[in-house]
Structures are given as C-alpha cells and as structure tokens.
Protein backbone atom coordinates (compact mmCIF):
# COMPACT_ATOMS: atom_id res chain seq x y z
CA MET A 1 199.86 265.76 60.03
CA SER A 2 202.26 267.61 57.74
CA ASP A 3 203.35 271.21 57.76
CA PRO A 4 200.42 273.31 56.48
CA VAL A 5 200.68 275.41 53.36
CA SER A 6 197.58 277.36 54.40
CA ARG A 7 195.96 278.05 57.75
CA LEU A 8 192.38 277.17 58.56
CA PRO A 9 190.15 280.15 59.40
CA VAL A 10 189.36 280.77 63.06
CA ASN A 11 185.83 279.39 62.60
CA PRO A 12 186.20 276.71 59.91
CA ASN A 13 183.09 275.76 57.97
CA LEU A 14 182.87 272.36 56.30
CA THR A 15 180.50 273.64 53.63
CA GLN A 16 183.00 276.29 52.60
CA LEU A 17 185.83 273.75 52.56
CA LYS A 18 183.79 271.49 50.27
CA LYS A 19 183.24 274.49 47.99
CA GLN A 20 186.99 275.19 47.97
CA ALA A 21 187.68 271.55 47.02
CA LYS A 22 185.17 271.67 44.15
CA GLU A 23 186.68 274.93 42.87
CA LEU A 24 190.14 273.35 43.01
CA LYS A 25 188.94 270.29 41.08
CA ASP A 26 187.26 272.45 38.45
CA GLY A 27 190.40 274.55 38.12
CA VAL A 28 192.69 271.57 37.64
CA VAL A 29 190.40 269.92 35.09
CA ALA A 30 190.11 273.21 33.20
CA GLY A 31 193.91 273.49 33.02
CA ASP A 32 194.32 276.43 35.40
CA PRO A 33 198.10 276.62 36.04
CA GLU A 34 197.77 277.73 39.68
CA SER A 35 195.31 274.94 40.51
CA ILE A 36 197.51 272.34 38.79
CA SER A 37 200.53 273.62 40.69
CA ARG A 38 198.66 273.18 43.98
CA GLY A 39 197.82 269.60 43.03
CA HIS A 40 201.43 268.83 42.16
CA ALA A 41 202.67 270.39 45.38
CA SER A 42 200.26 268.83 47.89
CA HIS A 43 198.69 265.69 46.41
CA PRO A 44 200.58 262.48 47.34
CA ASP A 45 200.96 261.58 43.64
CA GLY A 46 202.56 264.94 42.93
CA ASP A 47 203.87 265.37 39.42
CA GLU A 48 202.24 262.14 38.26
CA LEU A 49 198.76 263.69 38.46
CA GLU A 50 196.85 263.94 35.22
CA PRO A 51 194.64 267.09 35.21
CA THR A 52 191.90 265.47 33.13
CA GLY A 53 191.57 262.65 35.66
CA PHE A 54 191.67 264.88 38.73
CA THR A 55 188.58 264.03 40.83
CA LEU A 56 186.78 265.73 43.67
CA ARG A 57 188.33 263.17 46.02
CA ASP A 58 191.78 264.20 44.73
CA ALA A 59 190.89 267.85 45.31
CA GLN A 60 189.68 267.16 48.85
CA LEU A 61 192.88 265.25 49.63
CA THR A 62 194.98 268.08 48.18
CA LEU A 63 193.11 270.69 50.18
CA ALA A 64 193.39 268.67 53.40
CA ARG A 65 197.14 268.33 52.94
CA GLU A 66 197.44 272.06 52.24
CA TYR A 67 195.90 272.63 55.66
CA GLY A 68 198.35 270.18 57.24
CA PHE A 69 196.12 267.09 57.51
CA ASP A 70 196.84 263.60 56.20
CA GLY A 71 193.46 263.33 54.51
CA TRP A 72 189.98 264.77 54.05
CA GLY A 73 188.58 262.60 56.84
CA ASP A 74 191.06 264.04 59.34
CA LEU A 75 190.26 267.56 58.22
CA SER A 76 186.51 266.93 58.44
CA ARG A 77 186.76 265.52 61.96
CA HIS A 78 188.87 268.46 63.09
CA VAL A 79 186.44 270.99 61.65
CA GLY A 80 183.46 269.14 63.13
CA GLU A 81 185.02 269.31 66.58
CA GLN A 82 185.64 273.04 66.17
CA MET A 83 182.19 273.92 64.92
CA VAL A 84 179.45 274.81 67.37
CA ASP A 85 175.90 274.26 66.20
CA GLU A 86 174.16 277.59 65.56
CA ARG A 87 171.17 276.55 67.64
CA ASP A 88 173.48 275.87 70.58
CA LEU A 89 174.93 279.35 70.24
CA HIS A 90 171.47 280.94 70.25
CA ARG A 91 170.51 278.88 73.28
CA TRP A 92 173.74 279.76 75.12
CA PHE A 93 173.34 283.48 74.51
CA GLY A 94 169.65 283.31 75.42
CA VAL A 95 170.42 281.67 78.76
CA GLN A 96 173.34 283.96 79.61
CA LEU A 97 171.45 287.13 78.77
CA ASN A 98 168.33 285.96 80.58
CA ASN A 99 170.28 285.23 83.76
CA ALA A 100 172.10 288.56 83.58
CA MET A 101 168.83 290.42 83.07
CA TRP A 102 167.23 288.84 86.11
CA GLU A 103 170.21 289.85 88.23
CA SER A 104 169.63 293.42 87.05
CA ILE A 105 165.86 293.26 87.60
CA GLU A 106 166.51 292.16 91.18
CA ASP A 107 169.03 294.98 91.72
CA ASP A 108 167.36 297.82 93.63
CA GLY A 109 170.19 300.08 92.52
CA ILE A 110 168.83 300.08 88.97
CA GLY A 111 165.91 302.33 88.16
CA PRO A 112 164.72 305.40 86.25
CA GLU A 113 167.67 307.42 87.58
CA THR A 114 170.22 304.97 86.18
CA PRO A 115 172.30 306.72 83.47
CA ALA A 116 170.63 306.62 80.07
CA LEU A 117 173.35 304.61 78.35
CA GLU A 118 173.16 301.91 81.01
CA ARG A 119 169.37 301.81 80.80
CA GLU A 120 169.64 301.36 77.04
CA ARG A 121 172.17 298.57 77.47
CA LEU A 122 169.91 296.73 79.88
CA LEU A 123 166.87 297.10 77.63
CA TYR A 124 168.73 296.01 74.50
CA SER A 125 170.11 293.00 76.39
CA ALA A 126 166.57 291.96 77.30
CA TYR A 127 165.57 292.26 73.64
CA ALA A 128 168.64 290.25 72.64
CA SER A 129 167.71 287.44 75.02
CA ALA A 130 164.19 287.36 73.57
CA TYR A 131 165.62 287.30 70.04
CA HIS A 132 167.86 284.30 70.72
CA TRP A 133 165.00 282.37 72.34
CA ARG A 134 162.71 283.21 69.45
CA THR A 135 165.26 281.62 67.14
CA VAL A 136 165.47 278.26 68.96
CA GLY A 137 162.75 278.19 71.61
CA THR A 138 159.10 277.30 72.01
CA MET A 139 156.05 279.54 72.26
CA ALA A 140 156.56 279.43 76.01
CA ASN A 141 160.07 280.85 75.51
CA PHE A 142 158.60 283.57 73.28
CA ALA A 143 156.14 284.58 76.01
CA ARG A 144 158.84 284.53 78.68
CA GLY A 145 161.00 286.75 76.51
CA GLU A 146 158.17 289.29 76.35
CA HIS A 147 157.83 289.06 80.14
CA LEU A 148 161.56 289.70 80.57
CA ILE A 149 161.43 292.82 78.39
CA SER A 150 158.38 294.07 80.28
CA ARG A 151 160.04 293.57 83.65
CA MET A 152 163.25 295.28 82.53
CA ALA A 153 161.32 298.19 81.06
CA ALA A 154 159.39 298.55 84.32
CA ARG A 155 162.62 298.43 86.33
CA ILE A 156 164.07 301.37 84.40
CA GLY A 157 160.79 303.31 84.50
CA ASP A 158 159.61 302.85 80.90
CA GLY A 159 155.96 302.15 81.70
CA SER A 160 154.53 302.27 78.19
CA ARG A 161 157.09 299.79 76.89
CA ALA A 162 156.53 297.56 79.90
CA LEU A 163 152.79 297.56 79.22
CA HIS A 164 153.21 296.78 75.52
CA HIS A 165 155.34 293.71 76.18
CA ALA A 166 153.25 292.52 79.14
CA ARG A 167 150.18 292.56 76.90
CA ARG A 168 152.07 290.65 74.23
CA CYS A 169 153.19 288.11 76.84
CA LEU A 170 149.61 287.49 77.91
CA GLN A 171 148.45 287.26 74.29
CA LEU A 172 151.00 284.55 73.52
CA ILE A 173 149.95 282.60 76.61
CA GLU A 174 146.27 282.82 75.74
CA GLU A 175 146.91 281.75 72.13
CA ASN A 176 149.15 278.81 73.08
CA PRO A 177 147.90 277.39 76.38
CA GLU A 178 149.15 273.88 75.59
CA ALA A 179 152.76 275.14 75.44
CA MET A 180 152.72 276.90 78.80
CA ALA A 181 153.50 275.91 82.37
CA ASP A 182 150.99 276.70 85.10
CA TRP A 183 153.19 279.57 86.28
CA ASP A 184 153.32 281.44 82.94
CA ARG A 185 149.89 283.06 83.27
CA PRO A 186 150.44 284.43 86.82
CA PHE A 187 153.79 285.85 85.70
CA ALA A 188 152.05 287.60 82.81
CA GLU A 189 149.42 289.03 85.16
CA GLU A 190 152.17 290.20 87.54
CA ALA A 191 153.93 291.98 84.66
CA LEU A 192 150.66 293.60 83.58
CA ALA A 193 149.94 294.79 87.11
CA ARG A 194 153.40 296.30 87.39
CA ALA A 195 153.19 297.93 83.97
CA TYR A 196 149.76 299.46 84.63
CA ALA A 197 151.10 300.79 87.93
CA ALA A 198 154.05 302.30 86.06
CA VAL A 199 151.75 304.22 83.70
CA GLY A 200 149.51 305.36 86.56
CA ASP A 201 146.46 303.18 85.93
CA GLU A 202 145.89 302.04 89.52
CA ARG A 203 142.53 300.36 88.87
CA GLU A 204 143.86 298.04 86.19
CA ALA A 205 147.06 297.48 88.14
CA ARG A 206 145.14 296.28 91.19
CA ARG A 207 142.86 294.12 89.09
CA HIS A 208 145.75 292.28 87.45
CA LEU A 209 147.63 292.04 90.73
CA GLU A 210 144.67 290.29 92.30
CA ILE A 211 144.47 287.88 89.36
CA ALA A 212 148.19 287.19 89.69
CA ARG A 213 147.79 286.38 93.38
CA MET A 214 144.86 284.04 92.77
CA LEU A 215 146.66 282.21 89.97
CA THR A 216 149.83 281.96 92.03
CA ALA A 217 147.95 280.18 94.80
CA ASP A 218 146.96 277.52 92.26
CA VAL A 219 150.49 276.79 91.02
CA GLU A 220 151.13 273.14 91.76
CA ASP A 221 154.87 273.05 92.40
CA GLU A 222 155.84 274.56 95.74
CA GLU A 223 159.15 275.95 94.47
CA ASP A 224 157.52 277.61 91.47
CA ARG A 225 154.85 279.06 93.73
CA SER A 226 157.49 280.45 96.10
CA ILE A 227 159.31 282.12 93.21
CA LEU A 228 156.10 283.79 92.08
CA GLU A 229 155.28 284.94 95.60
CA ALA A 230 158.73 286.47 95.89
CA GLU A 231 158.29 288.33 92.61
CA LEU A 232 154.93 289.69 93.74
CA GLU A 233 156.71 291.18 96.74
CA ARG A 234 159.57 292.63 94.73
CA GLY A 235 159.42 296.23 93.55
CA PRO A 236 159.11 298.54 91.91
CA TRP A 237 155.34 298.86 92.27
CA PHE A 238 155.14 302.61 91.66
CA GLY A 239 153.06 303.33 94.75
CA LEU A 240 150.61 300.48 94.23
CA LYS A 241 151.77 298.59 97.34
C-alpha cells in the first residue's frame, strides 16, 4: 500500500466506488483538467497517460491508489471485508432487541406506573424488533413480532394495543399454518388471554387462557412446553388468576 491521497469513508460501499471510478474515467476522456491531473498523479503510468485512451480499468487503478491501495482488487477486498450485509444487520438488531424486550417483559418492576418516557422506549423497541424481523424473517417471525408487541403493551398496561397485536398474531398464524411451530398458536392464545384481561373482558380472557393451556399440553418438545407453561404462570394477569 502507498500513502493515501484520500481517505475511505467509514462505511465504504463498493457500488459507490465503482461510480466514482466511472466518473473519473468520463472526466479524463472528456478532458477535464482536474480528472486528468488525478490520473497523472496516481496512475502508475503518470504523465504518459493519454486521456483519450483512459479506460475504466485505468480509472479504477487510479482511484485505488488514491485511497492507498496497490490496485482495484486490493481495494475491493478491503471494502468487502468492511461491509456487513444489510440482511445481517436487520437480523442482528432483531435478535438484540427481541432479547432485551423479553428481559423487560420478565421484569416485575416494569408496569403501568413506569415513567411514560420509559414505557414509550420499551414499546418502540418492541416495534423496532418486529420491523427488523419483517425485513428479513419468515411469516413465523412476523407473528412472533406481533406477539412481542402485545406482551410488551400488556406489561406496561396498554390493554387495547395488546389486544390489537395479539389478534394480528393469531391471524398470521391461522393464515400461514405451514410456517409455524407447534408452540406459536398457544403463545398467541396466551397473548390474547392476557390482552382481554387487560381490557377487562374476563369471559374472553378465560376462554383464550383455557385454549392456551390445552394447546400447550400438546406441544411436542418438552423444553418448548416448559417455556410456555412458565409464561402462563407469569403476570401480569390483571386479576384473572
């Protein structure tokens, strides 16, 4: 590597670099003095370059050397190593937010009396997790995102919001049964029971709670079943239990 004339941006993008190289080539061929000067300064052939014969390969080499690399291949490899696939970013944020939200849902210190700004932060974080999973996930991830929002809304005492998203969770499960695990439906019924309890509809809350219990008993994997059973015991239940 040579001493760079220019510095790469913090998040280099190969597409943008290719665009810069094309613009440099077009400028040199068109006789732009600044572009020609860049070619003379950084291309290995220097002053021997002929503007009319300046190719895209020449421009890429010039650009790479301006950034301190021996050639375009070295620059491309460096940028490729620095870039993180957008889907990976969505997945990473989805996982991190989901895990953080469940820690909050399981925190008995969080509830309707939590300061408003903190309740908003928690709710928006649940929405953010659902958004990232909607970008890269499956229909099962979509449904689970709705469940997460419902549970967070119930935790902070927003019953109507909890009910809206619990219903949407169940709708997605019913419309896409082939995409779901056997534990998705009982989780949706649990969220519905909790949400109905939060809005004061005890009859519907008990009905969905009973469905959740029956479906939980049929979950094949013992660990998954234990997780569901633990959630059915976890509050808040708004006086239902």
